[in-house]
Amino acid sequence: MGPLLARGLSQDFVPLKSRCIKGLADWILTSPCQRNIIVLAGAGASTAAGIPDFRSPGTGLYDNLQKYNLPTPESIFSLDYFRKAPDAFYELARDLWPGVQGYRPTLTHRFISTLDRKGRLLRCFTQNIDGLERLAGVPSERVVAAHGSFDTATCVRNGKSVPAEELRQAVLSGKEGPGGWQSLREKYGGLVKPDIVFFGENLPASFFKHRTLDFCKCQLLLVIGTSLSVYPFADLPREPPGSCIKVLMNREDISEFGFDISLLGDCDEHVQELVTRLGWQEVLKEMADSKTSASGD
């Protein structure tokens, strides 16, 4: 019995025939049609949409924050710094707010949505705050936004809930004026920020709930576009049972998690080959022709 077969298999487990993208496609097509796939998505899933990741040298978000004169790049997501100097975050939020810049789902997002349509996706845990998984058609109940989202907003001083659309309008209006974020601050008694997770804040309750409930059912873990350097998200590949097949699609290799398949390079390129081997081209083409999808792939 090979190493892929000796890991405490459930009765309906289908072994991985080969450690390559063909073997991955064969597994998806032949394993029982049930919701047994979990996707862990990071910034690399969204770079094809024009959204920069955080850490790539030269092009990453942290390398391009010099104009804000921050003590450190990470300060822009620090609650203490936000309280002292909110201008930088609000300016950045104007660029990142879903729908403002017209960012559209990538091929990778549409693939995740297709996994759901095919009845295979158990959950998509995403580090991203761009909302492109849901824009691609992944139902909200299938998405765990581990680092929060722009869907809700809160006053950081008193914990009051603030309509997200009201904050969006204030962010777009700028600091001054009747509709700006300064007037919003006066209205609610403190600075208001979207409920994305800043350094030092707790992750959403849904993260811990589904971390407990989902991974025991996971037979295939797809890690897409993340180097797993931010905790506790980075611990998630340790959660599935030993029989789970783990696949990495990322620019950099990560050896510590014992991936069965490591597909290094551009996420969309590997997804394109996988979709072709699965015979799902027409489904994704229909999605690409819709208004929610990015062009050029």
C-alpha atoms as a PDB file:
ATOM      1  CA  MET A   1       0.000   0.000   0.000  1.00  0.00           C
ATOM      2  CA  GLY A   2       1.460   3.372  -1.087  1.00  0.00           C
ATOM      3  CA  PRO A   3       1.879   6.434   1.137  1.00  0.00           C
ATOM      4  CA  LEU A   4      -1.302   8.010  -0.227  1.00  0.00           C
ATOM      5  CA  LEU A   5      -3.327   4.961   0.790  1.00  0.00           C
ATOM      6  CA  ALA A   6      -2.081   4.416   4.340  1.00  0.00           C
ATOM      7  CA  ARG A   7      -3.542   7.409   6.119  1.00  0.00           C
ATOM      8  CA  GLY A   8      -6.687   6.306   7.894  1.00  0.00           C
ATOM      9  CA  LEU A   9      -8.997   6.254   4.874  1.00  0.00           C
ATOM     10  CA  SER A  10     -12.770   6.526   5.054  1.00  0.00           C
ATOM     11  CA  GLN A  11     -14.808   3.933   3.196  1.00  0.00           C
ATOM     12  CA  ASP A  12     -15.660   6.224   0.259  1.00  0.00           C
ATOM     13  CA  PHE A  13     -12.144   7.617  -0.145  1.00  0.00           C
ATOM     14  CA  VAL A  14     -10.737   7.592  -3.688  1.00  0.00           C
ATOM     15  CA  PRO A  15      -6.918   7.470  -3.844  1.00  0.00           C
ATOM     16  CA  LEU A  16      -4.864   9.911  -5.849  1.00  0.00           C
ATOM     17  CA  LYS A  17      -3.540   8.005  -8.856  1.00  0.00           C
ATOM     18  CA  SER A  18      -0.665  10.353  -9.663  1.00  0.00           C
ATOM     19  CA  ARG A  19       0.951  13.431  -8.152  1.00  0.00           C
ATOM     20  CA  CYS A  20       0.263  15.785 -11.048  1.00  0.00           C
ATOM     21  CA  ILE A  21      -2.532  17.940 -12.425  1.00  0.00           C
ATOM     22  CA  LYS A  22      -3.919  14.988 -14.411  1.00  0.00           C
ATOM     23  CA  GLY A  23      -4.128  12.959 -11.228  1.00  0.00           C
ATOM     24  CA  LEU A  24      -5.937  15.849  -9.537  1.00  0.00           C
ATOM     25  CA  ALA A  25      -8.478  16.087 -12.355  1.00  0.00           C
ATOM     26  CA  ASP A  26      -9.037  12.314 -12.293  1.00  0.00           C
ATOM     27  CA  TRP A  27      -9.661  12.464  -8.544  1.00  0.00           C
ATOM     28  CA  ILE A  28     -12.236  15.251  -8.849  1.00  0.00           C
ATOM     29  CA  LEU A  29     -14.057  13.396 -11.621  1.00  0.00           C
ATOM     30  CA  THR A  30     -14.087   9.972  -9.956  1.00  0.00           C
ATOM     31  CA  SER A  31     -14.472  10.665  -6.243  1.00  0.00           C
ATOM     32  CA  PRO A  32     -18.012  10.552  -4.800  1.00  0.00           C
ATOM     33  CA  CYS A  33     -19.995  13.638  -5.766  1.00  0.00           C
ATOM     34  CA  GLN A  34     -20.316  15.255  -2.379  1.00  0.00           C
ATOM     35  CA  ARG A  35     -19.195  18.450  -0.729  1.00  0.00           C
ATOM     36  CA  ASN A  36     -15.733  17.297   0.307  1.00  0.00           C
ATOM     37  CA  ILE A  37     -13.419  19.998  -1.131  1.00  0.00           C
ATOM     38  CA  ILE A  38     -12.149  22.971   0.858  1.00  0.00           C
ATOM     39  CA  VAL A  39     -10.359  25.866  -0.834  1.00  0.00           C
ATOM     40  CA  LEU A  40      -7.943  28.151   1.005  1.00  0.00           C
ATOM     41  CA  ALA A  41      -7.589  31.284  -1.120  1.00  0.00           C
ATOM     42  CA  GLY A  42      -5.044  34.079  -0.810  1.00  0.00           C
ATOM     43  CA  ALA A  43      -4.017  37.219  -2.646  1.00  0.00           C
ATOM     44  CA  GLY A  44      -2.573  35.247  -5.556  1.00  0.00           C
ATOM     45  CA  ALA A  45      -6.104  34.280  -6.566  1.00  0.00           C
ATOM     46  CA  SER A  46      -6.887  37.948  -7.214  1.00  0.00           C
ATOM     47  CA  THR A  47      -3.744  39.347  -8.817  1.00  0.00           C
ATOM     48  CA  ALA A  48      -5.059  38.594 -12.326  1.00  0.00           C
ATOM     49  CA  ALA A  49      -7.931  40.959 -11.552  1.00  0.00           C
ATOM     50  CA  GLY A  50      -5.419  43.768 -11.095  1.00  0.00           C
ATOM     51  CA  ILE A  51      -5.438  43.695  -7.295  1.00  0.00           C
ATOM     52  CA  PRO A  52      -1.869  43.680  -5.942  1.00  0.00           C
ATOM     53  CA  ASP A  53      -0.909  41.132  -3.338  1.00  0.00           C
ATOM     54  CA  PHE A  54       0.746  42.277  -0.133  1.00  0.00           C
ATOM     55  CA  ARG A  55       4.282  40.923  -0.156  1.00  0.00           C
ATOM     56  CA  SER A  56       5.582  40.525  -3.736  1.00  0.00           C
ATOM     57  CA  PRO A  57       8.801  42.594  -4.029  1.00  0.00           C
ATOM     58  CA  GLY A  58       8.284  45.707  -6.123  1.00  0.00           C
ATOM     59  CA  THR A  59       4.607  45.164  -6.939  1.00  0.00           C
ATOM     60  CA  GLY A  60       3.079  44.133  -3.618  1.00  0.00           C
ATOM     61  CA  LEU A  61       0.897  46.488  -1.628  1.00  0.00           C
ATOM     62  CA  TYR A  62       3.413  46.841   1.188  1.00  0.00           C
ATOM     63  CA  ASP A  63       6.144  47.920  -1.256  1.00  0.00           C
ATOM     64  CA  ASN A  64       3.933  50.652  -2.667  1.00  0.00           C
ATOM     65  CA  LEU A  65       2.786  52.461   0.453  1.00  0.00           C
ATOM     66  CA  GLN A  66       5.624  54.978   0.610  1.00  0.00           C
ATOM     67  CA  LYS A  67       3.289  57.867  -0.194  1.00  0.00           C
ATOM     68  CA  TYR A  68       1.545  57.346   3.153  1.00  0.00           C
ATOM     69  CA  ASN A  69       4.751  57.862   5.208  1.00  0.00           C
ATOM     70  CA  LEU A  70       3.882  54.959   7.479  1.00  0.00           C
ATOM     71  CA  PRO A  71       6.159  53.851  10.348  1.00  0.00           C
ATOM     72  CA  THR A  72       5.973  50.355   8.813  1.00  0.00           C
ATOM     73  CA  PRO A  73       3.892  49.103   5.865  1.00  0.00           C
ATOM     74  CA  GLU A  74       1.808  46.959   8.217  1.00  0.00           C
ATOM     75  CA  SER A  75       0.820  50.079  10.172  1.00  0.00           C
ATOM     76  CA  ILE A  76      -1.937  50.794   7.688  1.00  0.00           C
ATOM     77  CA  PHE A  77      -3.760  47.794   9.165  1.00  0.00           C
ATOM     78  CA  SER A  78      -2.954  48.669  12.771  1.00  0.00           C
ATOM     79  CA  LEU A  79      -5.854  49.750  14.967  1.00  0.00           C
ATOM     80  CA  ASP A  80      -3.612  51.992  17.084  1.00  0.00           C
ATOM     81  CA  TYR A  81      -2.230  53.752  14.013  1.00  0.00           C
ATOM     82  CA  PHE A  82      -5.707  54.058  12.499  1.00  0.00           C
ATOM     83  CA  ARG A  83      -6.907  55.862  15.623  1.00  0.00           C
ATOM     84  CA  LYS A  84      -3.998  58.318  15.410  1.00  0.00           C
ATOM     85  CA  ALA A  85      -3.801  58.826  11.633  1.00  0.00           C
ATOM     86  CA  PRO A  86      -6.852  57.418   9.793  1.00  0.00           C
ATOM     87  CA  ASP A  87      -6.250  59.278   6.519  1.00  0.00           C
ATOM     88  CA  ALA A  88      -3.929  56.634   5.080  1.00  0.00           C
ATOM     89  CA  PHE A  89      -6.311  53.737   5.621  1.00  0.00           C
ATOM     90  CA  TYR A  90      -9.310  55.643   4.271  1.00  0.00           C
ATOM     91  CA  GLU A  91      -7.368  56.523   1.128  1.00  0.00           C
ATOM     92  CA  LEU A  92      -6.340  52.918   0.676  1.00  0.00           C
ATOM     93  CA  ALA A  93      -9.908  51.725   1.373  1.00  0.00           C
ATOM     94  CA  ARG A  94     -11.133  53.856  -1.505  1.00  0.00           C
ATOM     95  CA  ASP A  95      -8.955  51.766  -3.846  1.00  0.00           C
ATOM     96  CA  LEU A  96      -9.758  48.409  -2.255  1.00  0.00           C
ATOM     97  CA  TRP A  97     -13.506  48.776  -1.672  1.00  0.00           C
ATOM     98  CA  PRO A  98     -15.321  46.110  -3.721  1.00  0.00           C
ATOM     99  CA  GLY A  99     -16.993  47.529  -6.794  1.00  0.00           C
ATOM    100  CA  VAL A 100     -15.293  50.925  -6.719  1.00  0.00           C
ATOM    101  CA  GLN A 101     -12.457  50.114  -9.137  1.00  0.00           C
ATOM    102  CA  GLY A 102     -14.440  47.595 -11.169  1.00  0.00           C
ATOM    103  CA  TYR A 103     -12.302  44.577 -10.256  1.00  0.00           C
ATOM    104  CA  ARG A 104     -13.839  41.385 -11.607  1.00  0.00           C
ATOM    105  CA  PRO A 105     -13.486  37.712 -10.672  1.00  0.00           C
ATOM    106  CA  THR A 106     -10.560  35.844 -12.162  1.00  0.00           C
ATOM    107  CA  LEU A 107     -10.543  32.390 -13.705  1.00  0.00           C
ATOM    108  CA  THR A 108      -9.582  31.037 -10.296  1.00  0.00           C
ATOM    109  CA  HIS A 109     -12.664  32.601  -8.670  1.00  0.00           C
ATOM    110  CA  ARG A 110     -14.900  31.183 -11.389  1.00  0.00           C
ATOM    111  CA  PHE A 111     -13.350  27.744 -10.858  1.00  0.00           C
ATOM    112  CA  ILE A 112     -14.178  27.913  -7.143  1.00  0.00           C
ATOM    113  CA  SER A 113     -17.739  28.898  -8.061  1.00  0.00           C
ATOM    114  CA  THR A 114     -17.930  25.963 -10.472  1.00  0.00           C
ATOM    115  CA  LEU A 115     -16.865  23.589  -7.711  1.00  0.00           C
ATOM    116  CA  ASP A 116     -19.909  24.820  -5.812  1.00  0.00           C
ATOM    117  CA  ARG A 117     -22.195  24.434  -8.834  1.00  0.00           C
ATOM    118  CA  LYS A 118     -20.967  20.866  -9.233  1.00  0.00           C
ATOM    119  CA  GLY A 119     -21.842  20.132  -5.599  1.00  0.00           C
ATOM    120  CA  ARG A 120     -18.217  19.638  -4.594  1.00  0.00           C
ATOM    121  CA  LEU A 121     -17.286  22.744  -2.606  1.00  0.00           C
ATOM    122  CA  LEU A 122     -17.666  22.391   1.138  1.00  0.00           C
ATOM    123  CA  ARG A 123     -16.214  25.794   1.983  1.00  0.00           C
ATOM    124  CA  CYS A 124     -13.927  28.493   0.656  1.00  0.00           C
ATOM    125  CA  PHE A 125     -11.811  30.076   3.374  1.00  0.00           C
ATOM    126  CA  THR A 126     -10.390  33.291   1.927  1.00  0.00           C
ATOM    127  CA  GLN A 127      -7.796  35.700   3.237  1.00  0.00           C
ATOM    128  CA  ASN A 128      -8.931  38.269   0.686  1.00  0.00           C
ATOM    129  CA  ILE A 129     -11.159  41.229   1.443  1.00  0.00           C
ATOM    130  CA  ASP A 130     -12.029  41.968  -2.190  1.00  0.00           C
ATOM    131  CA  GLY A 131     -15.281  39.961  -2.242  1.00  0.00           C
ATOM    132  CA  LEU A 132     -14.507  38.408  -5.643  1.00  0.00           C
ATOM    133  CA  GLU A 133     -15.455  34.880  -4.565  1.00  0.00           C
ATOM    134  CA  ARG A 134     -19.038  35.975  -3.983  1.00  0.00           C
ATOM    135  CA  LEU A 135     -19.062  38.171  -7.078  1.00  0.00           C
ATOM    136  CA  ALA A 136     -18.111  35.037  -9.031  1.00  0.00           C
ATOM    137  CA  GLY A 137     -21.224  33.340  -7.678  1.00  0.00           C
ATOM    138  CA  VAL A 138     -19.983  31.430  -4.635  1.00  0.00           C
ATOM    139  CA  PRO A 139     -22.895  31.631  -2.153  1.00  0.00           C
ATOM    140  CA  SER A 140     -22.206  33.641   0.987  1.00  0.00           C
ATOM    141  CA  GLU A 141     -22.806  30.578   3.150  1.00  0.00           C
ATOM    142  CA  ARG A 142     -19.946  28.780   1.365  1.00  0.00           C
ATOM    143  CA  VAL A 143     -17.449  31.600   1.967  1.00  0.00           C
ATOM    144  CA  VAL A 144     -15.576  32.231   5.201  1.00  0.00           C
ATOM    145  CA  ALA A 145     -13.954  35.675   4.946  1.00  0.00           C
ATOM    146  CA  ALA A 146     -11.245  34.893   7.480  1.00  0.00           C
ATOM    147  CA  HIS A 147      -9.886  38.436   7.519  1.00  0.00           C
ATOM    148  CA  GLY A 148     -13.276  40.093   7.425  1.00  0.00           C
ATOM    149  CA  SER A 149     -14.950  42.058   4.655  1.00  0.00           C
ATOM    150  CA  PHE A 150     -16.395  45.397   3.640  1.00  0.00           C
ATOM    151  CA  ASP A 151     -19.948  44.075   4.048  1.00  0.00           C
ATOM    152  CA  THR A 152     -20.393  45.536   7.536  1.00  0.00           C
ATOM    153  CA  ALA A 153     -18.872  48.420   9.487  1.00  0.00           C
ATOM    154  CA  THR A 154     -18.396  49.427  13.113  1.00  0.00           C
ATOM    155  CA  CYS A 155     -17.428  52.479  15.141  1.00  0.00           C
ATOM    156  CA  VAL A 156     -14.118  51.550  16.754  1.00  0.00           C
ATOM    157  CA  ARG A 157     -14.736  53.723  19.805  1.00  0.00           C
ATOM    158  CA  ASN A 158     -18.137  52.483  20.960  1.00  0.00           C
ATOM    159  CA  GLY A 159     -18.816  49.346  18.891  1.00  0.00           C
ATOM    160  CA  LYS A 160     -21.901  50.773  17.200  1.00  0.00           C
ATOM    161  CA  SER A 161     -22.877  49.082  13.958  1.00  0.00           C
ATOM    162  CA  VAL A 162     -22.817  51.440  10.966  1.00  0.00           C
ATOM    163  CA  PRO A 163     -24.393  50.759   7.545  1.00  0.00           C
ATOM    164  CA  ALA A 164     -21.578  49.723   5.222  1.00  0.00           C
ATOM    165  CA  GLU A 165     -23.003  51.772   2.373  1.00  0.00           C
ATOM    166  CA  GLU A 166     -22.886  54.896   4.529  1.00  0.00           C
ATOM    167  CA  LEU A 167     -19.207  54.298   5.231  1.00  0.00           C
ATOM    168  CA  ARG A 168     -18.528  53.591   1.558  1.00  0.00           C
ATOM    169  CA  GLN A 169     -20.051  56.905   0.544  1.00  0.00           C
ATOM    170  CA  ALA A 170     -18.038  58.692   3.229  1.00  0.00           C
ATOM    171  CA  VAL A 171     -14.786  57.049   2.116  1.00  0.00           C
ATOM    172  CA  LEU A 172     -15.450  58.023  -1.503  1.00  0.00           C
ATOM    173  CA  SER A 173     -16.284  61.593  -0.449  1.00  0.00           C
ATOM    174  CA  GLY A 174     -12.981  62.062   1.378  1.00  0.00           C
ATOM    175  CA  LYS A 175     -12.202  63.650   4.693  1.00  0.00           C
ATOM    176  CA  GLU A 176     -14.009  66.979   4.627  1.00  0.00           C
ATOM    177  CA  GLY A 177     -17.514  68.007   3.670  1.00  0.00           C
ATOM    178  CA  PRO A 178     -20.979  66.940   4.818  1.00  0.00           C
ATOM    179  CA  GLY A 179     -20.637  63.429   3.414  1.00  0.00           C
ATOM    180  CA  GLY A 180     -17.011  62.752   4.292  1.00  0.00           C
ATOM    181  CA  TRP A 181     -15.588  60.378   6.866  1.00  0.00           C
ATOM    182  CA  GLN A 182     -14.944  63.200   9.343  1.00  0.00           C
ATOM    183  CA  SER A 183     -18.658  63.977   9.493  1.00  0.00           C
ATOM    184  CA  LEU A 184     -19.356  60.261   9.870  1.00  0.00           C
ATOM    185  CA  ARG A 185     -16.970  60.245  12.823  1.00  0.00           C
ATOM    186  CA  GLU A 186     -18.928  63.061  14.440  1.00  0.00           C
ATOM    187  CA  LYS A 187     -22.256  61.374  13.762  1.00  0.00           C
ATOM    188  CA  TYR A 188     -21.325  58.060  15.397  1.00  0.00           C
ATOM    189  CA  GLY A 189     -19.008  59.326  18.126  1.00  0.00           C
ATOM    190  CA  GLY A 190     -15.786  57.873  16.760  1.00  0.00           C
ATOM    191  CA  LEU A 191     -13.917  56.621  13.723  1.00  0.00           C
ATOM    192  CA  VAL A 192     -15.769  54.060  11.621  1.00  0.00           C
ATOM    193  CA  LYS A 193     -14.013  51.268   9.764  1.00  0.00           C
ATOM    194  CA  PRO A 194     -15.203  48.330   7.697  1.00  0.00           C
ATOM    195  CA  ASP A 195     -15.141  45.026   9.540  1.00  0.00           C
ATOM    196  CA  ILE A 196     -11.914  43.820   7.992  1.00  0.00           C
ATOM    197  CA  VAL A 197      -9.514  42.336  10.525  1.00  0.00           C
ATOM    198  CA  PHE A 198      -6.682  44.606  11.616  1.00  0.00           C
ATOM    199  CA  PHE A 199      -3.539  43.290  13.306  1.00  0.00           C
ATOM    200  CA  GLY A 200      -4.365  42.385  16.893  1.00  0.00           C
ATOM    201  CA  GLU A 201      -8.093  41.944  16.274  1.00  0.00           C
ATOM    202  CA  ASN A 202      -9.954  38.662  16.555  1.00  0.00           C
ATOM    203  CA  LEU A 203     -10.974  36.818  13.430  1.00  0.00           C
ATOM    204  CA  PRO A 204     -14.714  36.469  12.745  1.00  0.00           C
ATOM    205  CA  ALA A 205     -16.620  33.860  14.730  1.00  0.00           C
ATOM    206  CA  SER A 206     -17.471  32.072  11.471  1.00  0.00           C
ATOM    207  CA  PHE A 207     -13.781  31.236  11.011  1.00  0.00           C
ATOM    208  CA  PHE A 208     -13.601  29.291  14.262  1.00  0.00           C
ATOM    209  CA  LYS A 209     -17.029  27.715  13.777  1.00  0.00           C
ATOM    210  CA  HIS A 210     -16.237  26.294  10.349  1.00  0.00           C
ATOM    211  CA  ARG A 211     -12.684  25.431  11.299  1.00  0.00           C
ATOM    212  CA  THR A 212     -14.217  23.045  13.821  1.00  0.00           C
ATOM    213  CA  LEU A 213     -17.078  21.746  11.680  1.00  0.00           C
ATOM    214  CA  ASP A 214     -15.648  21.473   8.165  1.00  0.00           C
ATOM    215  CA  PHE A 215     -12.170  20.018   8.097  1.00  0.00           C
ATOM    216  CA  CYS A 216     -13.117  16.600   9.431  1.00  0.00           C
ATOM    217  CA  LYS A 217     -15.155  16.182   6.203  1.00  0.00           C
ATOM    218  CA  CYS A 218     -12.421  17.418   3.878  1.00  0.00           C
ATOM    219  CA  GLN A 219     -11.042  14.914   1.378  1.00  0.00           C
ATOM    220  CA  LEU A 220      -9.347  17.434  -0.930  1.00  0.00           C
ATOM    221  CA  LEU A 221      -7.712  20.664   0.244  1.00  0.00           C
ATOM    222  CA  LEU A 222      -6.833  23.201  -2.470  1.00  0.00           C
ATOM    223  CA  VAL A 223      -4.470  25.946  -1.299  1.00  0.00           C
ATOM    224  CA  ILE A 224      -4.507  28.663  -3.954  1.00  0.00           C
ATOM    225  CA  GLY A 225      -2.439  31.835  -4.063  1.00  0.00           C
ATOM    226  CA  THR A 226      -1.215  32.032  -0.481  1.00  0.00           C
ATOM    227  CA  SER A 227       2.157  31.403   1.120  1.00  0.00           C
ATOM    228  CA  LEU A 228       0.447  30.724   4.468  1.00  0.00           C
ATOM    229  CA  SER A 229       2.465  33.246   6.453  1.00  0.00           C
ATOM    230  CA  VAL A 230      -0.336  34.837   8.503  1.00  0.00           C
ATOM    231  CA  TYR A 231      -1.753  32.990  11.499  1.00  0.00           C
ATOM    232  CA  PRO A 232      -4.141  31.510  12.494  1.00  0.00           C
ATOM    233  CA  PHE A 233      -5.126  31.073   8.815  1.00  0.00           C
ATOM    234  CA  ALA A 234      -1.735  29.476   8.162  1.00  0.00           C
ATOM    235  CA  ASP A 235      -2.582  26.613  10.518  1.00  0.00           C
ATOM    236  CA  LEU A 236      -5.591  25.460   8.492  1.00  0.00           C
ATOM    237  CA  PRO A 237      -3.717  22.891   6.341  1.00  0.00           C
ATOM    238  CA  ARG A 238      -3.015  20.971   9.547  1.00  0.00           C
ATOM    239  CA  GLU A 239      -6.732  20.543  10.274  1.00  0.00           C
ATOM    240  CA  PRO A 240      -7.899  17.875   7.762  1.00  0.00           C
ATOM    241  CA  PRO A 241      -7.601  14.151   8.518  1.00  0.00           C
ATOM    242  CA  GLY A 242      -4.462  12.347   7.420  1.00  0.00           C
ATOM    243  CA  SER A 243      -6.275  10.842   4.439  1.00  0.00           C
ATOM    244  CA  CYS A 244      -6.962  14.271   2.943  1.00  0.00           C
ATOM    245  CA  ILE A 245      -5.234  15.057  -0.353  1.00  0.00           C
ATOM    246  CA  LYS A 246      -3.490  18.439  -0.205  1.00  0.00           C
ATOM    247  CA  VAL A 247      -2.742  20.486  -3.321  1.00  0.00           C
ATOM    248  CA  LEU A 248      -0.815  23.756  -3.549  1.00  0.00           C
ATOM    249  CA  MET A 249      -1.152  26.286  -6.378  1.00  0.00           C
ATOM    250  CA  ASN A 250       1.181  29.162  -5.577  1.00  0.00           C
ATOM    251  CA  ARG A 251       4.195  31.032  -6.890  1.00  0.00           C
ATOM    252  CA  GLU A 252       6.336  29.773  -4.011  1.00  0.00           C
ATOM    253  CA  ASP A 253       6.641  26.273  -2.637  1.00  0.00           C
ATOM    254  CA  ILE A 254       5.683  25.504   0.961  1.00  0.00           C
ATOM    255  CA  SER A 255       7.292  22.300   2.109  1.00  0.00           C
ATOM    256  CA  GLU A 256       6.197  22.126   5.738  1.00  0.00           C
ATOM    257  CA  PHE A 257       2.627  20.968   5.073  1.00  0.00           C
ATOM    258  CA  GLY A 258       3.456  17.887   3.002  1.00  0.00           C
ATOM    259  CA  PHE A 259       1.457  18.726  -0.111  1.00  0.00           C
ATOM    260  CA  ASP A 260       0.697  15.760  -2.350  1.00  0.00           C
ATOM    261  CA  ILE A 261       0.805  18.011  -5.423  1.00  0.00           C
ATOM    262  CA  SER A 262       2.629  21.349  -5.688  1.00  0.00           C
ATOM    263  CA  LEU A 263       1.820  23.384  -8.804  1.00  0.00           C
ATOM    264  CA  LEU A 264       4.138  26.374  -8.757  1.00  0.00           C
ATOM    265  CA  GLY A 265       3.637  29.524 -10.802  1.00  0.00           C
ATOM    266  CA  ASP A 266       0.596  31.520 -11.866  1.00  0.00           C
ATOM    267  CA  CYS A 267      -2.657  30.278 -10.303  1.00  0.00           C
ATOM    268  CA  ASP A 268      -4.832  30.974 -13.330  1.00  0.00           C
ATOM    269  CA  GLU A 269      -2.496  29.038 -15.627  1.00  0.00           C
ATOM    270  CA  HIS A 270      -2.763  25.910 -13.490  1.00  0.00           C
ATOM    271  CA  VAL A 271      -6.512  26.374 -13.088  1.00  0.00           C
ATOM    272  CA  GLN A 272      -6.882  26.698 -16.873  1.00  0.00           C
ATOM    273  CA  GLU A 273      -5.150  23.346 -17.407  1.00  0.00           C
ATOM    274  CA  LEU A 274      -7.188  21.740 -14.638  1.00  0.00           C
ATOM    275  CA  VAL A 275     -10.461  23.059 -16.081  1.00  0.00           C
ATOM    276  CA  THR A 276      -9.506  21.690 -19.504  1.00  0.00           C
ATOM    277  CA  ARG A 277      -8.772  18.236 -18.092  1.00  0.00           C
ATOM    278  CA  LEU A 278     -12.062  18.332 -16.179  1.00  0.00           C
ATOM    279  CA  GLY A 279     -13.982  19.276 -19.331  1.00  0.00           C
ATOM    280  CA  TRP A 280     -15.542  22.290 -17.603  1.00  0.00           C
ATOM    281  CA  GLN A 281     -14.521  24.869 -20.222  1.00  0.00           C
ATOM    282  CA  GLU A 282     -18.071  25.684 -21.333  1.00  0.00           C
ATOM    283  CA  VAL A 283     -19.293  26.283 -17.791  1.00  0.00           C
ATOM    284  CA  LEU A 284     -16.507  28.741 -17.077  1.00  0.00           C
ATOM    285  CA  LYS A 285     -16.903  30.370 -20.502  1.00  0.00           C
ATOM    286  CA  GLU A 286     -20.541  31.112 -19.716  1.00  0.00           C
ATOM    287  CA  MET A 287     -19.436  32.743 -16.481  1.00  0.00           C
ATOM    288  CA  ALA A 288     -16.701  34.691 -18.298  1.00  0.00           C
ATOM    289  CA  ASP A 289     -19.317  36.108 -20.671  1.00  0.00           C
ATOM    290  CA  SER A 290     -21.356  37.446 -17.757  1.00  0.00           C
ATOM    291  CA  LYS A 291     -20.909  40.926 -16.291  1.00  0.00           C
ATOM    292  CA  THR A 292     -19.317  39.568 -13.134  1.00  0.00           C
ATOM    293  CA  SER A 293     -16.249  38.096 -14.803  1.00  0.00           C
ATOM    294  CA  ALA A 294     -12.829  39.397 -15.690  1.00  0.00           C
ATOM    295  CA  SER A 295     -11.840  39.497 -19.338  1.00  0.00           C
ATOM    296  CA  GLY A 296      -8.620  38.299 -20.886  1.00  0.00           C
ATOM    297  CA  ASP A 297      -8.581  34.614 -19.986  1.00  0.00           C
END
